[in-house]
């Protein structure tokens, strides 16, 4: 699952120029994109890319605002991650 999200992120990155904000956001915050949504820290940090103090959730929202095509893949990844970690498969495939 991680590899599929990583490959999708890289394919989306290739659509942008290397100096664009979208490219830098996808390159710099790759760990945040692959992290379990339930394990995101509530603590704010200063984002040099966005030049403001954000929580990880706010940072993801800004990433999806700049790169909306990534959001559906992220949501699917989080759903699969949740079901694989909680071992809930009986209702997942229905």
N, C-alpha and C. Protein backbone atom coordinates (compact mmCIF):
# COMPACT_ATOMS: atom_id res chain seq x y z
N UNK A 1 0.82 -1.19 0.00
CA UNK A 1 0.00 0.00 0.00
C UNK A 1 0.87 1.26 0.00
N UNK A 2 1.92 1.24 0.82
CA UNK A 2 2.80 2.41 0.87
C UNK A 2 3.44 2.67 -0.48
N UNK A 3 3.85 1.61 -1.13
CA UNK A 3 4.51 1.75 -2.42
C UNK A 3 3.55 2.33 -3.47
N UNK A 4 2.30 1.90 -3.44
CA UNK A 4 1.32 2.40 -4.41
C UNK A 4 1.08 3.89 -4.21
N UNK A 5 0.94 4.33 -2.95
CA UNK A 5 0.75 5.76 -2.69
C UNK A 5 1.99 6.54 -3.08
N UNK A 6 3.16 5.99 -2.80
CA UNK A 6 4.41 6.66 -3.16
C UNK A 6 4.52 6.82 -4.68
N UNK A 7 4.19 5.77 -5.42
CA UNK A 7 4.27 5.84 -6.88
C UNK A 7 3.26 6.85 -7.45
N UNK A 8 2.08 6.90 -6.85
CA UNK A 8 1.07 7.86 -7.27
C UNK A 8 1.54 9.28 -7.00
N UNK A 9 2.12 9.49 -5.82
CA UNK A 9 2.64 10.82 -5.46
C UNK A 9 3.72 11.25 -6.44
N UNK A 10 4.59 10.35 -6.80
CA UNK A 10 5.69 10.66 -7.72
C UNK A 10 5.14 10.97 -9.12
N UNK A 11 4.13 10.21 -9.56
CA UNK A 11 3.52 10.49 -10.87
C UNK A 11 2.90 11.88 -10.90
N UNK A 12 2.25 12.25 -9.80
CA UNK A 12 1.65 13.59 -9.72
C UNK A 12 2.74 14.65 -9.68
N UNK A 13 3.83 14.38 -8.96
CA UNK A 13 4.94 15.33 -8.87
C UNK A 13 5.53 15.62 -10.25
N UNK A 14 5.60 14.60 -11.10
CA UNK A 14 6.21 14.75 -12.43
C UNK A 14 5.41 15.69 -13.33
N UNK A 15 4.16 15.97 -12.96
CA UNK A 15 3.34 16.87 -13.75
C UNK A 15 3.71 18.34 -13.52
N UNK A 16 4.44 18.61 -12.43
CA UNK A 16 4.76 19.98 -12.06
C UNK A 16 6.24 20.28 -12.30
N UNK A 17 6.56 21.55 -12.43
CA UNK A 17 7.95 21.96 -12.53
C UNK A 17 8.61 21.80 -11.15
N UNK A 18 9.91 21.58 -11.15
CA UNK A 18 10.61 21.31 -9.89
C UNK A 18 10.62 22.50 -8.94
N UNK A 19 10.45 23.69 -9.43
CA UNK A 19 10.46 24.87 -8.56
C UNK A 19 9.07 25.30 -8.12
N UNK A 20 8.04 24.59 -8.56
CA UNK A 20 6.67 24.97 -8.21
C UNK A 20 6.36 24.58 -6.76
N UNK A 21 5.40 25.28 -6.19
CA UNK A 21 4.99 25.01 -4.82
C UNK A 21 4.41 23.60 -4.69
N UNK A 22 3.65 23.18 -5.67
CA UNK A 22 3.03 21.84 -5.62
C UNK A 22 4.09 20.75 -5.55
N UNK A 23 5.12 20.89 -6.38
CA UNK A 23 6.20 19.90 -6.40
C UNK A 23 6.93 19.87 -5.05
N UNK A 24 7.26 21.05 -4.53
CA UNK A 24 7.99 21.12 -3.26
C UNK A 24 7.17 20.56 -2.11
N UNK A 25 5.87 20.83 -2.12
CA UNK A 25 4.99 20.33 -1.06
C UNK A 25 4.95 18.81 -1.08
N UNK A 26 4.80 18.23 -2.27
CA UNK A 26 4.74 16.77 -2.38
C UNK A 26 6.09 16.13 -2.04
N UNK A 27 7.17 16.79 -2.36
CA UNK A 27 8.49 16.24 -2.07
C UNK A 27 8.83 16.36 -0.59
N UNK A 28 8.52 17.50 0.02
CA UNK A 28 8.93 17.75 1.39
C UNK A 28 8.05 17.03 2.41
N UNK A 29 6.76 16.93 2.15
CA UNK A 29 5.82 16.36 3.14
C UNK A 29 5.40 14.93 2.81
N UNK A 30 6.27 14.16 2.18
CA UNK A 30 5.91 12.79 1.82
C UNK A 30 5.63 11.93 3.05
N UNK A 31 6.35 12.16 4.14
CA UNK A 31 6.12 11.35 5.35
C UNK A 31 4.75 11.66 5.96
N UNK A 32 4.38 12.92 5.90
CA UNK A 32 3.09 13.33 6.45
C UNK A 32 1.95 12.72 5.63
N UNK A 33 2.13 12.63 4.33
CA UNK A 33 1.11 12.05 3.45
C UNK A 33 0.95 10.55 3.72
N UNK A 34 2.04 9.87 4.04
CA UNK A 34 1.98 8.43 4.26
C UNK A 34 1.66 8.05 5.71
N UNK A 35 1.60 9.02 6.59
CA UNK A 35 1.34 8.72 7.99
C UNK A 35 -0.14 8.42 8.23
N UNK A 36 -0.40 7.55 9.20
CA UNK A 36 -1.77 7.21 9.57
C UNK A 36 -2.46 8.48 10.09
N UNK A 37 -3.64 8.76 9.56
CA UNK A 37 -4.39 9.96 9.93
C UNK A 37 -4.68 10.01 11.43
N UNK A 38 -4.90 8.85 12.03
CA UNK A 38 -5.23 8.80 13.47
C UNK A 38 -4.02 9.10 14.35
N UNK A 39 -2.82 9.02 13.78
CA UNK A 39 -1.60 9.23 14.56
C UNK A 39 -0.97 10.60 14.32
N UNK A 40 -1.70 11.50 13.66
CA UNK A 40 -1.15 12.83 13.43
C UNK A 40 -1.09 13.60 14.74
N UNK A 41 -0.03 14.31 14.93
CA UNK A 41 0.19 15.07 16.16
C UNK A 41 -0.71 16.32 16.18
N UNK A 42 -1.23 16.67 17.35
CA UNK A 42 -2.02 17.91 17.43
C UNK A 42 -1.14 19.16 17.58
N UNK A 43 0.17 18.95 17.73
CA UNK A 43 1.08 20.07 17.93
C UNK A 43 1.35 20.82 16.63
N UNK A 44 1.36 22.13 16.72
CA UNK A 44 1.63 22.96 15.55
C UNK A 44 3.14 23.05 15.31
N UNK A 45 3.51 23.26 14.06
CA UNK A 45 4.91 23.45 13.70
C UNK A 45 4.98 24.54 12.64
N UNK A 46 6.15 25.14 12.49
CA UNK A 46 6.31 26.17 11.47
C UNK A 46 6.66 25.50 10.15
N UNK A 47 5.85 25.75 9.15
CA UNK A 47 6.09 25.19 7.83
C UNK A 47 6.83 26.23 7.00
N UNK A 48 8.05 25.90 6.63
CA UNK A 48 8.82 26.82 5.78
C UNK A 48 8.23 26.90 4.39
N UNK A 49 7.62 25.84 3.94
CA UNK A 49 7.03 25.82 2.61
C UNK A 49 5.83 26.76 2.52
N UNK A 50 4.96 26.71 3.53
CA UNK A 50 3.77 27.56 3.53
C UNK A 50 3.99 28.87 4.28
N UNK A 51 5.10 28.98 4.99
CA UNK A 51 5.48 30.17 5.74
C UNK A 51 4.44 30.56 6.80
N UNK A 52 3.99 29.55 7.54
CA UNK A 52 3.07 29.79 8.65
C UNK A 52 3.10 28.59 9.60
N UNK A 53 2.54 28.79 10.78
CA UNK A 53 2.47 27.73 11.77
C UNK A 53 1.19 26.92 11.53
N UNK A 54 1.36 25.61 11.41
CA UNK A 54 0.25 24.72 11.09
C UNK A 54 0.31 23.45 11.92
N UNK A 55 -0.84 22.83 12.11
CA UNK A 55 -0.86 21.47 12.65
C UNK A 55 -0.73 20.54 11.44
N UNK A 56 -0.36 19.29 11.65
CA UNK A 56 -0.27 18.37 10.51
C UNK A 56 -1.57 18.25 9.72
N UNK A 57 -2.71 18.29 10.41
CA UNK A 57 -4.01 18.21 9.72
C UNK A 57 -4.21 19.42 8.81
N UNK A 58 -3.87 20.60 9.31
CA UNK A 58 -3.99 21.81 8.49
C UNK A 58 -3.03 21.77 7.31
N UNK A 59 -1.86 21.22 7.55
CA UNK A 59 -0.87 21.09 6.48
C UNK A 59 -1.39 20.17 5.38
N UNK A 60 -2.00 19.05 5.76
CA UNK A 60 -2.58 18.15 4.75
C UNK A 60 -3.70 18.84 3.98
N UNK A 61 -4.51 19.63 4.68
CA UNK A 61 -5.58 20.36 3.99
C UNK A 61 -5.01 21.32 2.96
N UNK A 62 -3.92 21.99 3.29
CA UNK A 62 -3.27 22.91 2.35
C UNK A 62 -2.66 22.14 1.17
N UNK A 63 -2.09 20.98 1.46
CA UNK A 63 -1.53 20.16 0.38
C UNK A 63 -2.64 19.78 -0.60
N UNK A 64 -3.79 19.34 -0.08
CA UNK A 64 -4.90 18.93 -0.94
C UNK A 64 -5.52 20.12 -1.66
N UNK A 65 -5.40 21.30 -1.09
CA UNK A 65 -5.88 22.50 -1.77
C UNK A 65 -5.02 22.80 -3.01
N UNK A 66 -3.72 22.56 -2.88
CA UNK A 66 -2.80 22.81 -4.00
C UNK A 66 -2.75 21.64 -4.98
N UNK A 67 -2.95 20.42 -4.47
CA UNK A 67 -2.89 19.22 -5.31
C UNK A 67 -4.15 18.39 -5.05
N UNK A 68 -5.29 18.82 -5.58
CA UNK A 68 -6.56 18.12 -5.26
C UNK A 68 -6.63 16.68 -5.76
N UNK A 69 -5.90 16.34 -6.83
CA UNK A 69 -5.98 14.97 -7.34
C UNK A 69 -5.38 13.95 -6.38
N UNK A 70 -4.56 14.39 -5.45
CA UNK A 70 -3.96 13.47 -4.49
C UNK A 70 -4.93 13.08 -3.38
N UNK A 71 -5.92 13.90 -3.12
CA UNK A 71 -6.82 13.68 -1.98
C UNK A 71 -7.59 12.37 -2.08
N UNK A 72 -8.08 12.01 -3.24
CA UNK A 72 -8.85 10.76 -3.35
C UNK A 72 -7.95 9.55 -3.11
N UNK A 73 -6.70 9.61 -3.58
CA UNK A 73 -5.76 8.51 -3.32
C UNK A 73 -5.41 8.43 -1.85
N UNK A 74 -5.25 9.59 -1.22
CA UNK A 74 -4.94 9.64 0.21
C UNK A 74 -6.09 9.04 1.03
N UNK A 75 -7.32 9.40 0.71
CA UNK A 75 -8.47 8.88 1.45
C UNK A 75 -8.61 7.37 1.27
N UNK A 76 -8.38 6.89 0.08
CA UNK A 76 -8.42 5.44 -0.16
C UNK A 76 -7.31 4.73 0.62
N UNK A 77 -6.11 5.31 0.62
CA UNK A 77 -4.99 4.75 1.37
C UNK A 77 -5.32 4.69 2.86
N UNK A 78 -5.90 5.76 3.39
CA UNK A 78 -6.24 5.78 4.82
C UNK A 78 -7.30 4.74 5.15
N UNK A 79 -8.25 4.56 4.25
CA UNK A 79 -9.30 3.55 4.46
C UNK A 79 -8.70 2.15 4.48
N UNK A 80 -7.84 1.85 3.50
CA UNK A 80 -7.19 0.54 3.46
C UNK A 80 -6.28 0.33 4.66
N UNK A 81 -5.57 1.38 5.05
CA UNK A 81 -4.69 1.30 6.22
C UNK A 81 -5.49 1.01 7.48
N UNK A 82 -6.60 1.68 7.66
CA UNK A 82 -7.45 1.47 8.83
C UNK A 82 -7.95 0.03 8.88
N UNK A 83 -8.46 -0.45 7.75
CA UNK A 83 -9.02 -1.81 7.74
C UNK A 83 -7.94 -2.88 7.91
N UNK A 84 -6.76 -2.63 7.40
CA UNK A 84 -5.70 -3.63 7.57
C UNK A 84 -5.17 -3.63 9.00
N UNK A 85 -5.12 -2.47 9.63
CA UNK A 85 -4.63 -2.41 11.00
C UNK A 85 -5.66 -2.94 11.99
N UNK A 86 -6.92 -2.66 11.74
CA UNK A 86 -7.97 -3.11 12.65
C UNK A 86 -8.47 -4.51 12.30
N UNK A 87 -7.99 -5.03 11.17
CA UNK A 87 -8.35 -6.36 10.70
C UNK A 87 -9.86 -6.52 10.54
N UNK A 88 -10.46 -5.47 9.98
CA UNK A 88 -11.90 -5.48 9.69
C UNK A 88 -12.04 -5.75 8.21
N UNK A 89 -12.27 -6.98 7.85
CA UNK A 89 -12.39 -7.30 6.44
C UNK A 89 -13.78 -7.78 6.05
N UNK A 90 -14.59 -8.17 7.02
CA UNK A 90 -15.90 -8.72 6.68
C UNK A 90 -16.82 -7.67 6.06
N UNK A 91 -16.81 -6.44 6.50
CA UNK A 91 -17.68 -5.40 5.94
C UNK A 91 -16.98 -4.59 4.87
N UNK A 92 -15.70 -4.72 4.76
CA UNK A 92 -14.93 -3.87 3.84
C UNK A 92 -15.21 -4.20 2.38
N UNK A 93 -15.30 -5.46 2.04
CA UNK A 93 -15.46 -5.86 0.65
C UNK A 93 -16.91 -5.87 0.20
N UNK A 94 -17.85 -5.66 1.09
CA UNK A 94 -19.28 -5.67 0.72
C UNK A 94 -19.68 -4.39 0.03
